[in-house]
Amino acid sequence: FNDEEIRAAFEFIDLDNNDYVGAAEIRHVLICMGELVTDEEVDMMITMVDSDGDGQVGYGEFYMMV
């Protein structure tokens, strides 16, 4: 993926446009894609990429994940 595609994907998931992706946004996108996920699974996804420990995924963390 190029930088523009990664930014577009992040902005698509960042529903409230606050430059962070939280659990509710991740859950919403996954459910819209037909994926049934538990709160615990979403929390685990965030923990895996949340390098600063703030409980949400910033663009830099998202970029590094992709």
PDB file of N, CA and C in Angstrom:
ATOM      1  N   PHE A   1       0.833  -1.188   0.000  1.00  0.00           N
ATOM      2  CA  PHE A   1       0.000   0.000   0.000  1.00  0.00           C
ATOM      3  C   PHE A   1       0.874   1.246   0.000  1.00  0.00           C
ATOM      4  N   ASN A   2       0.415   2.279  -0.705  1.00  0.00           N
ATOM      5  CA  ASN A   2       1.169   3.528  -0.662  1.00  0.00           C
ATOM      6  C   ASN A   2       0.614   4.427   0.448  1.00  0.00           C
ATOM      7  N   ASP A   3       1.304   5.537   0.700  1.00  0.00           N
ATOM      8  CA  ASP A   3       0.923   6.422   1.805  1.00  0.00           C
ATOM      9  C   ASP A   3      -0.507   6.939   1.676  1.00  0.00           C
ATOM     10  N   GLU A   4      -0.925   7.283   0.467  1.00  0.00           N
ATOM     11  CA  GLU A   4      -2.282   7.798   0.255  1.00  0.00           C
ATOM     12  C   GLU A   4      -3.332   6.742   0.570  1.00  0.00           C
ATOM     13  N   GLU A   5      -3.082   5.505   0.181  1.00  0.00           N
ATOM     14  CA  GLU A   5      -4.032   4.426   0.454  1.00  0.00           C
ATOM     15  C   GLU A   5      -4.132   4.145   1.946  1.00  0.00           C
ATOM     16  N   ILE A   6      -3.004   4.199   2.630  1.00  0.00           N
ATOM     17  CA  ILE A   6      -3.009   3.963   4.074  1.00  0.00           C
ATOM     18  C   ILE A   6      -3.765   5.081   4.774  1.00  0.00           C
ATOM     19  N   ARG A   7      -3.526   6.331   4.383  1.00  0.00           N
ATOM     20  CA  ARG A   7      -4.236   7.467   4.984  1.00  0.00           C
ATOM     21  C   ARG A   7      -5.737   7.360   4.715  1.00  0.00           C
ATOM     22  N   ALA A   8      -6.128   6.985   3.506  1.00  0.00           N
ATOM     23  CA  ALA A   8      -7.544   6.846   3.161  1.00  0.00           C
ATOM     24  C   ALA A   8      -8.201   5.756   3.997  1.00  0.00           C
ATOM     25  N   ALA A   9      -7.515   4.652   4.193  1.00  0.00           N
ATOM     26  CA  ALA A   9      -8.064   3.567   5.016  1.00  0.00           C
ATOM     27  C   ALA A   9      -8.244   4.032   6.454  1.00  0.00           C
ATOM     28  N   PHE A  10      -7.262   4.752   6.985  1.00  0.00           N
ATOM     29  CA  PHE A  10      -7.360   5.264   8.354  1.00  0.00           C
ATOM     30  C   PHE A  10      -8.535   6.225   8.481  1.00  0.00           C
ATOM     31  N   GLU A  11      -8.670   7.142   7.540  1.00  0.00           N
ATOM     32  CA  GLU A  11      -9.764   8.110   7.592  1.00  0.00           C
ATOM     33  C   GLU A  11     -11.121   7.439   7.458  1.00  0.00           C
ATOM     34  N   PHE A  12     -11.199   6.342   6.717  1.00  0.00           N
ATOM     35  CA  PHE A  12     -12.447   5.586   6.584  1.00  0.00           C
ATOM     36  C   PHE A  12     -12.863   4.995   7.927  1.00  0.00           C
ATOM     37  N   ILE A  13     -11.905   4.513   8.692  1.00  0.00           N
ATOM     38  CA  ILE A  13     -12.188   3.892   9.987  1.00  0.00           C
ATOM     39  C   ILE A  13     -12.406   4.946  11.071  1.00  0.00           C
ATOM     40  N   ASP A  14     -11.733   6.083  10.969  1.00  0.00           N
ATOM     41  CA  ASP A  14     -11.816   7.158  11.969  1.00  0.00           C
ATOM     42  C   ASP A  14     -13.126   7.927  11.785  1.00  0.00           C
ATOM     43  N   LEU A  15     -14.214   7.340  12.252  1.00  0.00           N
ATOM     44  CA  LEU A  15     -15.552   7.870  12.003  1.00  0.00           C
ATOM     45  C   LEU A  15     -15.783   9.258  12.591  1.00  0.00           C
ATOM     46  N   ASP A  16     -15.164   9.580  13.716  1.00  0.00           N
ATOM     47  CA  ASP A  16     -15.383  10.893  14.327  1.00  0.00           C
ATOM     48  C   ASP A  16     -14.293  11.906  13.963  1.00  0.00           C
ATOM     49  N   ASN A  17     -13.413  11.519  13.058  1.00  0.00           N
ATOM     50  CA  ASN A  17     -12.370  12.409  12.530  1.00  0.00           C
ATOM     51  C   ASN A  17     -11.522  13.081  13.607  1.00  0.00           C
ATOM     52  N   ASN A  18     -11.152  12.324  14.635  1.00  0.00           N
ATOM     53  CA  ASN A  18     -10.324  12.891  15.702  1.00  0.00           C
ATOM     54  C   ASN A  18      -8.864  12.437  15.615  1.00  0.00           C
ATOM     55  N   ASP A  19      -8.497  11.802  14.503  1.00  0.00           N
ATOM     56  CA  ASP A  19      -7.140  11.292  14.259  1.00  0.00           C
ATOM     57  C   ASP A  19      -6.751  10.132  15.161  1.00  0.00           C
ATOM     58  N   TYR A  20      -7.740   9.492  15.757  1.00  0.00           N
ATOM     59  CA  TYR A  20      -7.535   8.270  16.529  1.00  0.00           C
ATOM     60  C   TYR A  20      -8.644   7.293  16.182  1.00  0.00           C
ATOM     61  N   VAL A  21      -8.335   6.013  16.241  1.00  0.00           N
ATOM     62  CA  VAL A  21      -9.333   4.973  16.035  1.00  0.00           C
ATOM     63  C   VAL A  21      -9.502   4.250  17.359  1.00  0.00           C
ATOM     64  N   GLY A  22     -10.722   4.269  17.859  1.00  0.00           N
ATOM     65  CA  GLY A  22     -11.021   3.612  19.121  1.00  0.00           C
ATOM     66  C   GLY A  22     -11.746   2.297  18.914  1.00  0.00           C
ATOM     67  N   ALA A  23     -12.034   1.642  20.010  1.00  0.00           N
ATOM     68  CA  ALA A  23     -12.664   0.323  19.972  1.00  0.00           C
ATOM     69  C   ALA A  23     -14.008   0.355  19.256  1.00  0.00           C
ATOM     70  N   ALA A  24     -14.824   1.360  19.528  1.00  0.00           N
ATOM     71  CA  ALA A  24     -16.153   1.428  18.909  1.00  0.00           C
ATOM     72  C   ALA A  24     -16.049   1.552  17.395  1.00  0.00           C
ATOM     73  N   GLU A  25     -15.084   2.325  16.913  1.00  0.00           N
ATOM     74  CA  GLU A  25     -14.917   2.485  15.468  1.00  0.00           C
ATOM     75  C   GLU A  25     -14.441   1.186  14.824  1.00  0.00           C
ATOM     76  N   ILE A  26     -13.506   0.521  15.456  1.00  0.00           N
ATOM     77  CA  ILE A  26     -13.024  -0.759  14.923  1.00  0.00           C
ATOM     78  C   ILE A  26     -14.152  -1.777  14.897  1.00  0.00           C
ATOM     79  N   ARG A  27     -14.887  -1.861  15.982  1.00  0.00           N
ATOM     80  CA  ARG A  27     -16.006  -2.800  16.066  1.00  0.00           C
ATOM     81  C   ARG A  27     -17.034  -2.504  14.972  1.00  0.00           C
ATOM     82  N   HIS A  28     -17.376  -1.238  14.783  1.00  0.00           N
ATOM     83  CA  HIS A  28     -18.360  -0.843  13.772  1.00  0.00           C
ATOM     84  C   HIS A  28     -17.923  -1.287  12.374  1.00  0.00           C
ATOM     85  N   VAL A  29     -16.679  -1.000  12.026  1.00  0.00           N
ATOM     86  CA  VAL A  29     -16.181  -1.359  10.701  1.00  0.00           C
ATOM     87  C   VAL A  29     -16.177  -2.872  10.514  1.00  0.00           C
ATOM     88  N   LEU A  30     -15.729  -3.606  11.514  1.00  0.00           N
ATOM     89  CA  LEU A  30     -15.687  -5.068  11.393  1.00  0.00           C
ATOM     90  C   LEU A  30     -17.083  -5.659  11.273  1.00  0.00           C
ATOM     91  N   ILE A  31     -18.034  -5.139  12.037  1.00  0.00           N
ATOM     92  CA  ILE A  31     -19.410  -5.636  11.950  1.00  0.00           C
ATOM     93  C   ILE A  31     -19.988  -5.334  10.572  1.00  0.00           C
ATOM     94  N   CYS A  32     -19.714  -4.146  10.035  1.00  0.00           N
ATOM     95  CA  CYS A  32     -20.180  -3.804   8.687  1.00  0.00           C
ATOM     96  C   CYS A  32     -19.589  -4.727   7.628  1.00  0.00           C
ATOM     97  N   MET A  33     -18.408  -5.261   7.910  1.00  0.00           N
ATOM     98  CA  MET A  33     -17.764  -6.203   6.995  1.00  0.00           C
ATOM     99  C   MET A  33     -18.238  -7.635   7.225  1.00  0.00           C
ATOM    100  N   GLY A  34     -19.149  -7.828   8.185  1.00  0.00           N
ATOM    101  CA  GLY A  34     -19.677  -9.154   8.446  1.00  0.00           C
ATOM    102  C   GLY A  34     -18.905  -9.950   9.471  1.00  0.00           C
ATOM    103  N   GLU A  35     -17.955  -9.323  10.149  1.00  0.00           N
ATOM    104  CA  GLU A  35     -17.153 -10.005  11.166  1.00  0.00           C
ATOM    105  C   GLU A  35     -17.789  -9.820  12.535  1.00  0.00           C
ATOM    106  N   LEU A  36     -18.090 -10.900  13.198  1.00  0.00           N
ATOM    107  CA  LEU A  36     -18.623 -10.830  14.553  1.00  0.00           C
ATOM    108  C   LEU A  36     -17.452 -10.922  15.518  1.00  0.00           C
ATOM    109  N   VAL A  37     -17.221  -9.847  16.247  1.00  0.00           N
ATOM    110  CA  VAL A  37     -16.094  -9.798  17.173  1.00  0.00           C
ATOM    111  C   VAL A  37     -16.591  -9.429  18.561  1.00  0.00           C
ATOM    112  N   THR A  38     -15.899  -9.943  19.551  1.00  0.00           N
ATOM    113  CA  THR A  38     -16.235  -9.608  20.933  1.00  0.00           C
ATOM    114  C   THR A  38     -15.476  -8.349  21.348  1.00  0.00           C
ATOM    115  N   ASP A  39     -15.913  -7.743  22.436  1.00  0.00           N
ATOM    116  CA  ASP A  39     -15.200  -6.587  22.984  1.00  0.00           C
ATOM    117  C   ASP A  39     -13.761  -6.960  23.313  1.00  0.00           C
ATOM    118  N   GLU A  40     -13.576  -8.159  23.842  1.00  0.00           N
ATOM    119  CA  GLU A  40     -12.239  -8.608  24.206  1.00  0.00           C
ATOM    120  C   GLU A  40     -11.336  -8.721  22.981  1.00  0.00           C
ATOM    121  N   GLU A  41     -11.880  -9.204  21.866  1.00  0.00           N
ATOM    122  CA  GLU A  41     -11.084  -9.325  20.642  1.00  0.00           C
ATOM    123  C   GLU A  41     -10.669  -7.951  20.119  1.00  0.00           C
ATOM    124  N   VAL A  42     -11.593  -6.998  20.166  1.00  0.00           N
ATOM    125  CA  VAL A  42     -11.269  -5.640  19.719  1.00  0.00           C
ATOM    126  C   VAL A  42     -10.217  -5.026  20.637  1.00  0.00           C
ATOM    127  N   ASP A  43     -10.381  -5.211  21.941  1.00  0.00           N
ATOM    128  CA  ASP A  43      -9.387  -4.697  22.891  1.00  0.00           C
ATOM    129  C   ASP A  43      -8.010  -5.293  22.619  1.00  0.00           C
ATOM    130  N   MET A  44      -7.964  -6.574  22.278  1.00  0.00           N
ATOM    131  CA  MET A  44      -6.696  -7.239  21.983  1.00  0.00           C
ATOM    132  C   MET A  44      -6.073  -6.652  20.718  1.00  0.00           C
ATOM    133  N   MET A  45      -6.903  -6.375  19.712  1.00  0.00           N
ATOM    134  CA  MET A  45      -6.394  -5.770  18.478  1.00  0.00           C
ATOM    135  C   MET A  45      -5.743  -4.426  18.772  1.00  0.00           C
ATOM    136  N   ILE A  46      -6.411  -3.628  19.593  1.00  0.00           N
ATOM    137  CA  ILE A  46      -5.870  -2.313  19.936  1.00  0.00           C
ATOM    138  C   ILE A  46      -4.571  -2.463  20.719  1.00  0.00           C
ATOM    139  N   THR A  47      -4.558  -3.341  21.695  1.00  0.00           N
ATOM    140  CA  THR A  47      -3.370  -3.544  22.523  1.00  0.00           C
ATOM    141  C   THR A  47      -2.159  -3.937  21.681  1.00  0.00           C
ATOM    142  N   MET A  48      -2.389  -4.710  20.628  1.00  0.00           N
ATOM    143  CA  MET A  48      -1.294  -5.178  19.778  1.00  0.00           C
ATOM    144  C   MET A  48      -0.579  -4.044  19.048  1.00  0.00           C
ATOM    145  N   VAL A  49      -1.285  -2.937  18.764  1.00  0.00           N
ATOM    146  CA  VAL A  49      -0.673  -1.849  17.992  1.00  0.00           C
ATOM    147  C   VAL A  49      -0.563  -0.537  18.764  1.00  0.00           C
ATOM    148  N   ASP A  50      -1.123  -0.475  19.949  1.00  0.00           N
ATOM    149  CA  ASP A  50      -1.158   0.753  20.747  1.00  0.00           C
ATOM    150  C   ASP A  50       0.162   0.950  21.482  1.00  0.00           C
ATOM    151  N   SER A  51       1.144   1.501  20.780  1.00  0.00           N
ATOM    152  CA  SER A  51       2.488   1.609  21.352  1.00  0.00           C
ATOM    153  C   SER A  51       2.594   2.625  22.480  1.00  0.00           C
ATOM    154  N   ASP A  52       1.696   3.616  22.528  1.00  0.00           N
ATOM    155  CA  ASP A  52       1.784   4.610  23.599  1.00  0.00           C
ATOM    156  C   ASP A  52       0.835   4.335  24.760  1.00  0.00           C
ATOM    157  N   GLY A  53       0.047   3.259  24.661  1.00  0.00           N
ATOM    158  CA  GLY A  53      -0.796   2.826  25.768  1.00  0.00           C
ATOM    159  C   GLY A  53      -1.981   3.716  26.081  1.00  0.00           C
ATOM    160  N   ASP A  54      -2.433   4.519  25.098  1.00  0.00           N
ATOM    161  CA  ASP A  54      -3.560   5.410  25.365  1.00  0.00           C
ATOM    162  C   ASP A  54      -4.927   4.782  25.091  1.00  0.00           C
ATOM    163  N   GLY A  55      -4.945   3.515  24.688  1.00  0.00           N
ATOM    164  CA  GLY A  55      -6.209   2.814  24.485  1.00  0.00           C
ATOM    165  C   GLY A  55      -6.861   3.046  23.144  1.00  0.00           C
ATOM    166  N   GLN A  56      -6.160   3.726  22.262  1.00  0.00           N
ATOM    167  CA  GLN A  56      -6.669   3.945  20.916  1.00  0.00           C
ATOM    168  C   GLN A  56      -5.506   3.909  19.936  1.00  0.00           C
ATOM    169  N   VAL A  57      -5.837   3.870  18.659  1.00  0.00           N
ATOM    170  CA  VAL A  57      -4.810   3.733  17.631  1.00  0.00           C
ATOM    171  C   VAL A  57      -4.691   5.051  16.873  1.00  0.00           C
ATOM    172  N   GLY A  58      -3.539   5.688  16.998  1.00  0.00           N
ATOM    173  CA  GLY A  58      -3.262   6.902  16.236  1.00  0.00           C
ATOM    174  C   GLY A  58      -2.798   6.546  14.835  1.00  0.00           C
ATOM    175  N   TYR A  59      -2.713   7.557  13.981  1.00  0.00           N
ATOM    176  CA  TYR A  59      -2.317   7.302  12.601  1.00  0.00           C
ATOM    177  C   TYR A  59      -0.935   6.654  12.507  1.00  0.00           C
ATOM    178  N   GLY A  60       0.008   7.128  13.293  1.00  0.00           N
ATOM    179  CA  GLY A  60       1.355   6.553  13.253  1.00  0.00           C
ATOM    180  C   GLY A  60       1.363   5.079  13.609  1.00  0.00           C
ATOM    181  N   GLU A  61       0.577   4.713  14.607  1.00  0.00           N
ATOM    182  CA  GLU A  61       0.477   3.304  15.017  1.00  0.00           C
ATOM    183  C   GLU A  61      -0.194   2.483  13.919  1.00  0.00           C
ATOM    184  N   PHE A  62      -1.238   3.049  13.312  1.00  0.00           N
ATOM    185  CA  PHE A  62      -1.942   2.383  12.217  1.00  0.00           C
ATOM    186  C   PHE A  62      -0.992   2.172  11.041  1.00  0.00           C
ATOM    187  N   TYR A  63      -0.232   3.206  10.707  1.00  0.00           N
ATOM    188  CA  TYR A  63       0.709   3.146   9.593  1.00  0.00           C
ATOM    189  C   TYR A  63       1.729   2.033   9.803  1.00  0.00           C
ATOM    190  N   MET A  64       2.265   1.956  11.003  1.00  0.00           N
ATOM    191  CA  MET A  64       3.258   0.921  11.298  1.00  0.00           C
ATOM    192  C   MET A  64       2.649  -0.479  11.222  1.00  0.00           C
ATOM    193  N   MET A  65       1.366  -0.608  11.566  1.00  0.00           N
ATOM    194  CA  MET A  65       0.690  -1.895  11.522  1.00  0.00           C
ATOM    195  C   MET A  65       0.531  -2.367  10.082  1.00  0.00           C
ATOM    196  N   VAL A  66       0.211  -1.433   9.179  1.00  0.00           N
ATOM    197  CA  VAL A  66      -0.024  -1.777   7.779  1.00  0.00           C
ATOM    198  C   VAL A  66       1.308  -2.056   7.121  1.00  0.00           C
TER     199      VAL A  66
END
